[in-house]
């Protein structure tokens, strides 16, 4: 309850949360109802501009753009949530092993992380997709692997900053086991940066999924994804700009929502930033 009271005092976090809730509502509604079948083609309504009949217009096959954006929101959110879950789980596991146990294993794991960090995210994701193949679950795996190093580095740095503090050393001194100290004293104290990083990773995952779909490596047509909608629309931008504008805005506002919410969380949860603003 105290957390939500603090959250209500952060305009940035509230705006971001409202945007996220709006998209979640649209994604859930799209499971049960859309104005039109997002896959149904109607060649009598090709490239129709926005109107009362088609709120956001139609695409080159006469499909309703608003219906496709609704379904695309569900796909984008599910992929970003799944990929972030994979990235955070793997990253926490690697970061804990590296930061808490250290030694040669720490050096080996961090060199692997450095190699992954040396690749641009899109290039690394394309490389992984080329190996795994064009499947939805492969998109999730690829994005999860791409952002795993961020969590691993964050967790390792957080553990190194607190494992030599007095309360942790006291726990060792009285005979506490490593696992007990890890789960009782260390992990609870590094949850804040992990939560903030996860909220920001959601927006990065949406951008990366859209980029992969735009390049033809993500969600495959005719199933709607904001990325493949933009890819199809680029040929008609001069004569039917709405086919690209609305999927692009859908990406922009959802990414903005996650970024605002993540920024607000950081201000609320990081004690070093509470009194800056």
Protein backbone atom coordinates (compact mmCIF):
# COMPACT_ATOMS: atom_id res chain seq x y z
CA UNK A 1 0.00 0.00 0.00
CA UNK A 2 2.84 2.41 0.87
CA UNK A 3 4.38 1.73 -2.53
CA UNK A 4 1.19 2.71 -4.37
CA UNK A 5 0.90 5.87 -2.25
CA UNK A 6 4.43 6.82 -3.27
CA UNK A 7 3.69 5.87 -6.87
CA UNK A 8 0.69 8.20 -6.93
CA UNK A 9 3.03 11.10 -6.14
CA UNK A 10 5.11 10.51 -9.28
CA UNK A 11 3.41 12.05 -12.36
CA UNK A 12 5.90 10.37 -14.68
CA UNK A 13 5.18 6.91 -13.31
CA UNK A 14 1.41 7.51 -13.33
CA UNK A 15 1.40 8.61 -16.98
CA UNK A 16 3.51 5.60 -17.94
CA UNK A 17 1.27 3.26 -15.96
CA UNK A 18 -1.88 4.61 -17.63
CA UNK A 19 -0.34 4.08 -21.07
CA UNK A 20 0.62 0.51 -20.18
CA UNK A 21 -2.85 -0.22 -18.78
CA UNK A 22 -4.44 1.14 -21.95
CA UNK A 23 -2.36 -1.17 -24.13
CA UNK A 24 -2.96 -4.14 -21.84
CA UNK A 25 -6.70 -3.48 -21.99
CA UNK A 26 -6.57 -3.29 -25.78
CA UNK A 27 -4.57 -6.51 -25.97
CA UNK A 28 -6.99 -8.36 -23.68
CA UNK A 29 -10.01 -6.99 -25.54
CA UNK A 30 -8.44 -8.13 -28.80
CA UNK A 31 -8.57 -11.73 -27.60
CA UNK A 32 -12.37 -11.67 -27.50
CA UNK A 33 -13.35 -8.92 -29.94
CA UNK A 34 -12.00 -6.81 -32.78
CA UNK A 35 -14.02 -4.51 -35.07
CA UNK A 36 -13.05 -6.66 -38.05
CA UNK A 37 -11.23 -9.91 -38.66
CA UNK A 38 -7.56 -8.83 -38.69
CA UNK A 39 -6.73 -11.45 -41.33
CA UNK A 40 -9.74 -11.01 -43.61
CA UNK A 41 -8.95 -9.34 -46.93
CA UNK A 42 -11.46 -7.09 -48.70
CA UNK A 43 -10.25 -5.92 -52.08
CA UNK A 44 -13.13 -3.48 -52.35
CA UNK A 45 -11.66 -1.46 -49.47
CA UNK A 46 -7.98 -1.38 -50.33
CA UNK A 47 -6.02 1.56 -48.82
CA UNK A 48 -9.11 3.33 -47.54
CA UNK A 49 -8.30 6.40 -45.40
CA UNK A 50 -9.51 6.68 -41.79
CA UNK A 51 -13.29 6.97 -41.59
CA UNK A 52 -16.22 6.11 -39.36
CA UNK A 53 -16.29 2.64 -40.90
CA UNK A 54 -12.56 1.99 -40.48
CA UNK A 55 -11.27 4.09 -37.62
CA UNK A 56 -7.62 3.97 -38.72
CA UNK A 57 -8.15 3.09 -42.36
CA UNK A 58 -7.26 -0.10 -44.23
CA UNK A 59 -4.05 -1.57 -45.62
CA UNK A 60 -3.10 -2.78 -49.11
CA UNK A 61 -5.28 -5.88 -48.70
CA UNK A 62 -8.31 -4.06 -47.32
CA UNK A 63 -7.69 -5.27 -43.76
CA UNK A 64 -8.72 -3.03 -40.89
CA UNK A 65 -5.62 -1.39 -39.41
CA UNK A 66 -7.13 -0.80 -35.97
CA UNK A 67 -8.03 -4.49 -35.62
CA UNK A 68 -4.53 -5.48 -36.63
CA UNK A 69 -2.99 -3.03 -34.16
CA UNK A 70 -5.14 -4.51 -31.40
CA UNK A 71 -3.92 -8.02 -32.16
CA UNK A 72 -0.38 -6.75 -32.66
CA UNK A 73 -0.41 -5.20 -29.18
CA UNK A 74 -1.07 -8.61 -27.66
CA UNK A 75 1.78 -10.15 -29.65
CA UNK A 76 4.23 -7.38 -28.79
CA UNK A 77 3.39 -7.40 -25.07
CA UNK A 78 3.56 -11.19 -24.78
CA UNK A 79 6.89 -11.34 -26.58
CA UNK A 80 8.38 -8.51 -24.53
CA UNK A 81 7.18 -10.02 -21.23
CA UNK A 82 8.44 -13.49 -22.14
CA UNK A 83 11.79 -12.24 -23.43
CA UNK A 84 12.31 -10.03 -20.38
CA UNK A 85 11.52 -12.99 -18.12
CA UNK A 86 14.16 -15.07 -19.89
CA UNK A 87 16.72 -12.26 -19.83
CA UNK A 88 16.16 -11.48 -16.14
CA UNK A 89 16.21 -15.13 -15.08
CA UNK A 90 19.40 -15.97 -16.97
CA UNK A 91 21.00 -12.67 -16.04
CA UNK A 92 20.26 -13.06 -12.32
CA UNK A 93 21.60 -16.63 -12.39
CA UNK A 94 24.83 -15.65 -14.14
CA UNK A 95 25.24 -12.48 -12.08
CA UNK A 96 24.80 -14.34 -8.79
CA UNK A 97 27.31 -17.02 -9.72
CA UNK A 98 29.80 -14.44 -10.96
CA UNK A 99 29.41 -11.86 -8.21
CA UNK A 100 28.83 -14.07 -5.17
CA UNK A 101 31.17 -16.97 -5.83
CA UNK A 102 33.72 -15.11 -7.96
CA UNK A 103 37.06 -16.67 -8.84
CA UNK A 104 37.89 -18.08 -12.25
CA UNK A 105 34.23 -18.72 -12.98
CA UNK A 106 33.57 -15.00 -12.54
CA UNK A 107 36.29 -14.15 -15.04
CA UNK A 108 35.00 -16.71 -17.57
CA UNK A 109 31.37 -15.63 -17.33
CA UNK A 110 32.19 -11.94 -17.60
CA UNK A 111 34.28 -12.51 -20.72
CA UNK A 112 31.30 -14.27 -22.31
CA UNK A 113 29.11 -11.35 -21.28
CA UNK A 114 31.65 -8.92 -22.77
CA UNK A 115 31.52 -10.78 -26.08
CA UNK A 116 27.72 -10.53 -26.15
CA UNK A 117 27.92 -6.86 -25.21
CA UNK A 118 30.26 -6.17 -28.12
CA UNK A 119 27.51 -6.89 -30.66
CA UNK A 120 24.77 -4.36 -31.42
CA UNK A 121 21.46 -5.81 -30.12
CA UNK A 122 19.82 -5.99 -33.55
CA UNK A 123 22.82 -7.64 -35.17
CA UNK A 124 23.09 -10.22 -32.38
CA UNK A 125 19.34 -10.93 -32.55
CA UNK A 126 19.55 -11.38 -36.33
CA UNK A 127 22.45 -13.80 -35.89
CA UNK A 128 20.54 -15.86 -33.33
CA UNK A 129 17.42 -15.88 -35.51
CA UNK A 130 19.47 -17.04 -38.49
CA UNK A 131 20.58 -20.03 -36.40
CA UNK A 132 17.25 -20.85 -34.75
CA UNK A 133 14.86 -20.08 -37.62
CA UNK A 134 11.84 -17.83 -38.04
CA UNK A 135 9.47 -18.90 -35.27
CA UNK A 136 7.69 -16.85 -32.64
CA UNK A 137 9.31 -18.70 -29.74
CA UNK A 138 12.70 -18.20 -31.39
CA UNK A 139 12.08 -14.45 -31.42
CA UNK A 140 11.49 -14.64 -27.66
CA UNK A 141 14.66 -16.68 -27.12
CA UNK A 142 16.75 -14.36 -29.30
CA UNK A 143 15.58 -11.19 -27.53
CA UNK A 144 16.02 -12.86 -24.14
CA UNK A 145 19.63 -13.77 -24.94
CA UNK A 146 20.38 -10.30 -26.28
CA UNK A 147 19.38 -8.58 -23.02
CA UNK A 148 20.71 -11.21 -20.61
CA UNK A 149 24.13 -9.49 -20.30
CA UNK A 150 22.52 -6.29 -18.99
CA UNK A 151 20.95 -8.16 -16.08
CA UNK A 152 24.09 -10.22 -15.47
CA UNK A 153 26.28 -7.12 -15.22
CA UNK A 154 23.76 -5.31 -13.04
CA UNK A 155 23.33 -8.20 -10.59
CA UNK A 156 27.07 -8.84 -10.38
CA UNK A 157 27.83 -5.18 -9.69
CA UNK A 158 25.05 -4.98 -7.09
CA UNK A 159 26.28 -8.09 -5.27
CA UNK A 160 29.89 -6.89 -5.28
CA UNK A 161 28.78 -3.59 -3.76
CA UNK A 162 27.06 -5.18 -0.76
CA UNK A 163 28.64 -8.59 -0.10
CA UNK A 164 31.49 -7.03 1.89
CA UNK A 165 29.23 -4.82 3.99
CA UNK A 166 29.07 -5.38 7.73
CA UNK A 167 25.68 -7.08 7.90
CA UNK A 168 26.72 -9.66 5.27
CA UNK A 169 30.09 -10.30 6.90
CA UNK A 170 28.35 -10.66 10.27
CA UNK A 171 26.09 -13.33 8.79
CA UNK A 172 29.18 -15.20 7.61
CA UNK A 173 30.83 -14.77 11.00
CA UNK A 174 27.99 -16.44 12.90
CA UNK A 175 28.13 -19.44 10.60
CA UNK A 176 25.43 -18.71 8.06
CA UNK A 177 25.53 -20.83 4.93
CA UNK A 178 26.22 -19.21 1.57
CA UNK A 179 22.77 -20.05 0.23
CA UNK A 180 21.07 -18.70 3.34
CA UNK A 181 23.03 -15.45 3.16
CA UNK A 182 22.41 -15.16 -0.56
CA UNK A 183 18.63 -15.56 -0.33
CA UNK A 184 18.12 -13.89 3.06
CA UNK A 185 20.48 -10.93 2.94
CA UNK A 186 21.78 -10.26 -0.57
CA UNK A 187 19.02 -10.91 -3.11
CA UNK A 188 16.36 -8.89 -1.24
CA UNK A 189 18.74 -5.91 -1.26
CA UNK A 190 19.31 -5.97 -5.03
CA UNK A 191 15.69 -6.36 -6.13
CA UNK A 192 15.18 -2.63 -6.72
CA UNK A 193 17.67 -2.22 -9.59
CA UNK A 194 16.48 -5.51 -11.09
CA UNK A 195 12.85 -4.33 -11.12
CA UNK A 196 13.80 -1.01 -12.72
CA UNK A 197 15.97 -2.73 -15.32
CA UNK A 198 13.14 -5.15 -16.15
CA UNK A 199 10.70 -2.28 -16.74
CA UNK A 200 13.15 -0.62 -19.12
CA UNK A 201 13.99 -3.92 -20.82
CA UNK A 202 10.32 -4.34 -21.74
CA UNK A 203 10.49 -1.27 -23.96
CA UNK A 204 13.77 -2.40 -25.54
CA UNK A 205 12.27 -5.82 -26.25
CA UNK A 206 9.30 -4.24 -28.04
CA UNK A 207 11.62 -2.17 -30.21
CA UNK A 208 13.79 -5.17 -31.04
CA UNK A 209 10.80 -7.39 -31.83
CA UNK A 210 9.41 -4.68 -34.13
CA UNK A 211 12.78 -4.35 -35.86
CA UNK A 212 13.06 -8.10 -36.40
CA UNK A 213 9.52 -8.28 -37.77
CA UNK A 214 10.22 -5.29 -40.02
CA UNK A 215 13.20 -7.16 -41.48
CA UNK A 216 11.16 -10.32 -41.96
CA UNK A 217 12.82 -12.29 -39.15
CA UNK A 218 10.09 -11.98 -36.54
CA UNK A 219 6.33 -12.52 -36.73
CA UNK A 220 5.47 -13.67 -40.21
CA UNK A 221 2.53 -12.33 -42.29
CA UNK A 222 -0.41 -12.55 -42.42
CA UNK A 223 -0.33 -12.51 -38.59
CA UNK A 224 -0.12 -8.87 -37.49
CA UNK A 225 2.88 -7.41 -35.78
CA UNK A 226 3.59 -3.71 -35.60
CA UNK A 227 6.95 -4.37 -37.22
CA UNK A 228 5.65 -6.31 -40.23
CA UNK A 229 2.81 -3.80 -40.61
CA UNK A 230 5.43 -1.07 -40.99
CA UNK A 231 7.39 -3.23 -43.39
CA UNK A 232 4.36 -3.68 -45.65
CA UNK A 233 3.37 -0.02 -45.35
CA UNK A 234 6.70 1.41 -46.49
CA UNK A 235 5.70 0.83 -50.12
CA UNK A 236 2.55 2.91 -49.75
CA UNK A 237 3.70 5.74 -47.48
CA UNK A 238 3.29 8.43 -50.17
CA UNK A 239 -0.22 7.43 -51.23
CA UNK A 240 -1.49 5.98 -47.93
CA UNK A 241 0.61 7.36 -45.05
CA UNK A 242 -1.86 6.12 -42.41
CA UNK A 243 -0.73 2.55 -43.05
CA UNK A 244 2.67 3.44 -41.51
CA UNK A 245 1.75 6.28 -39.15
CA UNK A 246 -0.59 4.36 -36.85
CA UNK A 247 1.55 1.21 -36.33
CA UNK A 248 4.52 3.51 -35.77
CA UNK A 249 2.62 5.54 -33.17
CA UNK A 250 1.55 2.33 -31.46
CA UNK A 251 5.21 1.40 -30.99
CA UNK A 252 6.19 4.91 -29.89
CA UNK A 253 3.54 5.26 -27.20
CA UNK A 254 3.97 1.81 -25.67
CA UNK A 255 7.75 2.23 -25.52
CA UNK A 256 7.19 5.70 -24.03
CA UNK A 257 4.86 4.21 -21.43
CA UNK A 258 7.39 1.62 -20.27
CA UNK A 259 10.20 4.19 -20.24
CA UNK A 260 8.18 6.69 -18.21
CA UNK A 261 7.10 3.99 -15.76
CA UNK A 262 10.66 2.70 -15.44
CA UNK A 263 12.01 6.20 -14.91
CA UNK A 264 9.38 6.86 -12.26
CA UNK A 265 10.18 3.58 -10.51
CA UNK A 266 13.85 4.44 -10.46
CA UNK A 267 13.14 7.82 -8.87
CA UNK A 268 10.89 6.21 -6.26
CA UNK A 269 12.98 3.18 -5.37
CA UNK A 270 16.53 4.49 -5.64
CA UNK A 271 17.29 6.38 -2.39
CA UNK A 272 20.02 8.38 -4.14
CA UNK A 273 17.43 9.96 -6.48
CA UNK A 274 14.52 10.57 -4.12
CA UNK A 275 15.52 14.09 -3.17
CA UNK A 276 16.93 15.26 -6.50
CA UNK A 277 13.64 16.30 -8.10
